[in-house]
Every structure is written in C-alpha cells, then in structure tokens.
Amino acid sequence: MLDIECFSFLNRGLESDMAPVLIMATNRGITRIRGTSYKSPHGIPIDLLDRLVIISTSPYNEKETKQILKIRSGRGSAAGVPVAQRLEPSPRKQEDPGSIPGQVRS
C-alpha cells in the first residue's frame, strides 16, 4: 500500500511532459491515507484523485465466463479444471482487469 510520500512522487511524475500511463487497481472504499490522519476515496489524496479516471469493473456473468472458457479450451488452458472452480474467481483475481479496455473504448 502506498503512503503519502509515494503519492507525492507519483503526482509530481504525472506533471512531466513525458509522463507514463499510470494504472492503479484498488478495492478500498473511503479510508485513511497512509502517513496522514485524512480519509479519502480509495485512500488516495484528493489532489491526485482529481487527475485520475476511475473505471468500475464487475465480475463476468455466467454467459461471458462460458464464452471465455470455450475460447480458452481450444488452447487447452481450461482443460481439466472443474466448471464450478472456473466460475469462481481466485482471491488474487477478484476483479478482472481484462474488462477495463472494453470500458475505456465505450
């Protein structure tokens, strides 16, 4: 988790003409910014939060999951895994970042 000094560094970096694309993922709600006593959405300082585009993601529904598994099974990556296990997201991948580009384009 980032503290106020890290956010300050990122904020300065984003002001550069050669600033890279910064992608952050979080599931935190209104929470304290580490290193301060202030609370803000996602634990991100308000001045940095104003520069960000927030894209909400949602888990795949059953139809989308089956379509993905059908495509992947041709490559063998889904073979041998029970269907119920494939429908449940792993703890490390609760939100699917693969759905973000589709939301950005729309």
Protein backbone atom coordinates (compact mmCIF):
# COMPACT_ATOMS: atom_id res chain seq x y z
CA MET A 1 0.00 0.00 0.00
CA LEU A 2 1.22 3.46 -0.85
CA ASP A 3 1.78 6.22 1.70
CA ILE A 4 1.60 9.99 1.30
CA GLU A 5 5.24 10.25 0.14
CA CYS A 6 4.64 7.73 -2.67
CA PHE A 7 1.53 9.59 -3.78
CA SER A 8 3.51 12.85 -3.77
CA PHE A 9 6.16 11.26 -6.01
CA LEU A 10 3.51 9.91 -8.40
CA ASN A 11 1.75 13.28 -8.52
CA ARG A 12 5.00 15.05 -9.48
CA GLY A 13 5.74 12.38 -12.08
CA LEU A 14 2.35 12.88 -13.72
CA GLU A 15 3.12 16.59 -14.22
CA SER A 16 6.03 15.76 -16.54
CA ASP A 17 5.74 16.14 -20.32
CA MET A 18 7.00 12.57 -20.63
CA ALA A 19 4.58 11.18 -18.03
CA PRO A 20 3.85 7.47 -18.40
CA VAL A 21 0.39 5.96 -18.28
CA LEU A 22 -0.36 5.10 -14.68
CA ILE A 23 -2.76 2.26 -13.93
CA MET A 24 -3.78 1.60 -10.35
CA ALA A 25 -6.19 -1.01 -9.01
CA THR A 26 -7.90 -0.88 -5.64
CA ASN A 27 -10.93 -2.21 -3.84
CA ARG A 28 -10.66 0.20 -0.90
CA GLY A 29 -13.55 2.49 -0.04
CA ILE A 30 -13.31 5.67 1.99
CA THR A 31 -10.19 5.06 4.04
CA ARG A 32 -7.29 6.80 5.71
CA ILE A 33 -4.37 7.92 3.55
CA ARG A 34 -1.32 6.17 5.00
CA GLY A 35 1.01 8.60 6.74
CA THR A 36 -1.79 11.09 7.48
CA SER A 37 -4.96 11.33 9.52
CA TYR A 38 -7.07 12.27 6.47
CA LYS A 39 -9.62 10.00 4.85
CA SER A 40 -10.43 9.94 1.13
CA PRO A 41 -11.87 7.59 -1.52
CA HIS A 42 -9.56 4.62 -2.14
CA GLY A 43 -7.03 6.08 0.33
CA ILE A 44 -5.69 8.32 -2.48
CA PRO A 45 -5.06 12.03 -1.81
CA ILE A 46 -7.74 14.30 -3.32
CA ASP A 47 -5.25 16.27 -5.46
CA LEU A 48 -4.10 13.04 -7.15
CA LEU A 49 -7.62 11.61 -7.25
CA ASP A 50 -8.75 14.64 -9.28
CA ARG A 51 -6.29 13.65 -12.04
CA LEU A 52 -7.49 10.06 -12.31
CA VAL A 53 -10.19 8.38 -14.36
CA ILE A 54 -11.98 5.80 -12.24
CA ILE A 55 -13.32 2.79 -14.10
CA SER A 56 -15.58 0.45 -12.16
CA THR A 57 -15.29 -3.20 -13.03
CA SER A 58 -17.62 -6.10 -12.38
CA PRO A 59 -17.15 -9.86 -12.46
CA TYR A 60 -18.07 -11.75 -15.62
CA ASN A 61 -21.56 -13.21 -15.67
CA GLU A 62 -22.09 -16.91 -16.36
CA LYS A 63 -22.66 -16.45 -20.12
CA GLU A 64 -19.43 -14.44 -20.52
CA THR A 65 -17.49 -16.96 -18.44
CA LYS A 66 -18.71 -19.86 -20.60
CA GLN A 67 -17.74 -17.97 -23.76
CA ILE A 68 -14.25 -17.29 -22.39
CA LEU A 69 -13.85 -20.93 -21.35
CA LYS A 70 -15.00 -22.08 -24.79
CA ILE A 71 -12.35 -19.90 -26.45
CA ARG A 72 -9.64 -20.91 -23.99
CA SER A 73 -10.45 -24.61 -24.15
CA GLY A 74 -9.30 -24.62 -27.76
CA ARG A 75 -5.87 -23.68 -26.47
CA GLY A 76 -6.02 -26.19 -23.64
CA SER A 77 -5.74 -23.67 -20.79
CA ALA A 78 -9.15 -24.56 -19.32
CA ALA A 79 -8.92 -28.32 -19.80
CA GLY A 80 -9.09 -30.44 -16.67
CA VAL A 81 -10.45 -27.70 -14.38
CA PRO A 82 -13.96 -28.31 -12.98
CA VAL A 83 -16.60 -25.87 -14.25
CA ALA A 84 -17.58 -24.69 -10.74
CA GLN A 85 -13.96 -23.84 -9.98
CA ARG A 86 -13.66 -21.88 -13.24
CA LEU A 87 -16.75 -19.80 -12.43
CA GLU A 88 -15.37 -18.71 -9.03
CA PRO A 89 -12.68 -16.01 -9.22
CA SER A 90 -9.49 -16.70 -7.31
CA PRO A 91 -8.76 -14.46 -4.30
CA ARG A 92 -5.91 -12.79 -6.19
CA LYS A 93 -8.12 -12.02 -9.20
CA GLN A 94 -11.47 -10.86 -7.82
CA GLU A 95 -11.78 -8.09 -10.40
CA ASP A 96 -10.86 -8.77 -14.00
CA PRO A 97 -8.53 -6.11 -15.43
CA GLY A 98 -9.22 -7.57 -18.88
CA SER A 99 -12.59 -5.86 -18.89
CA ILE A 100 -11.07 -2.39 -18.45
CA PRO A 101 -10.04 -1.79 -22.11
CA GLY A 102 -13.57 -2.52 -23.27
CA GLN A 103 -14.94 0.06 -20.85
CA VAL A 104 -12.36 2.66 -21.88
CA ARG A 105 -13.28 2.27 -25.57
CA SER A 106 -17.02 2.71 -24.96
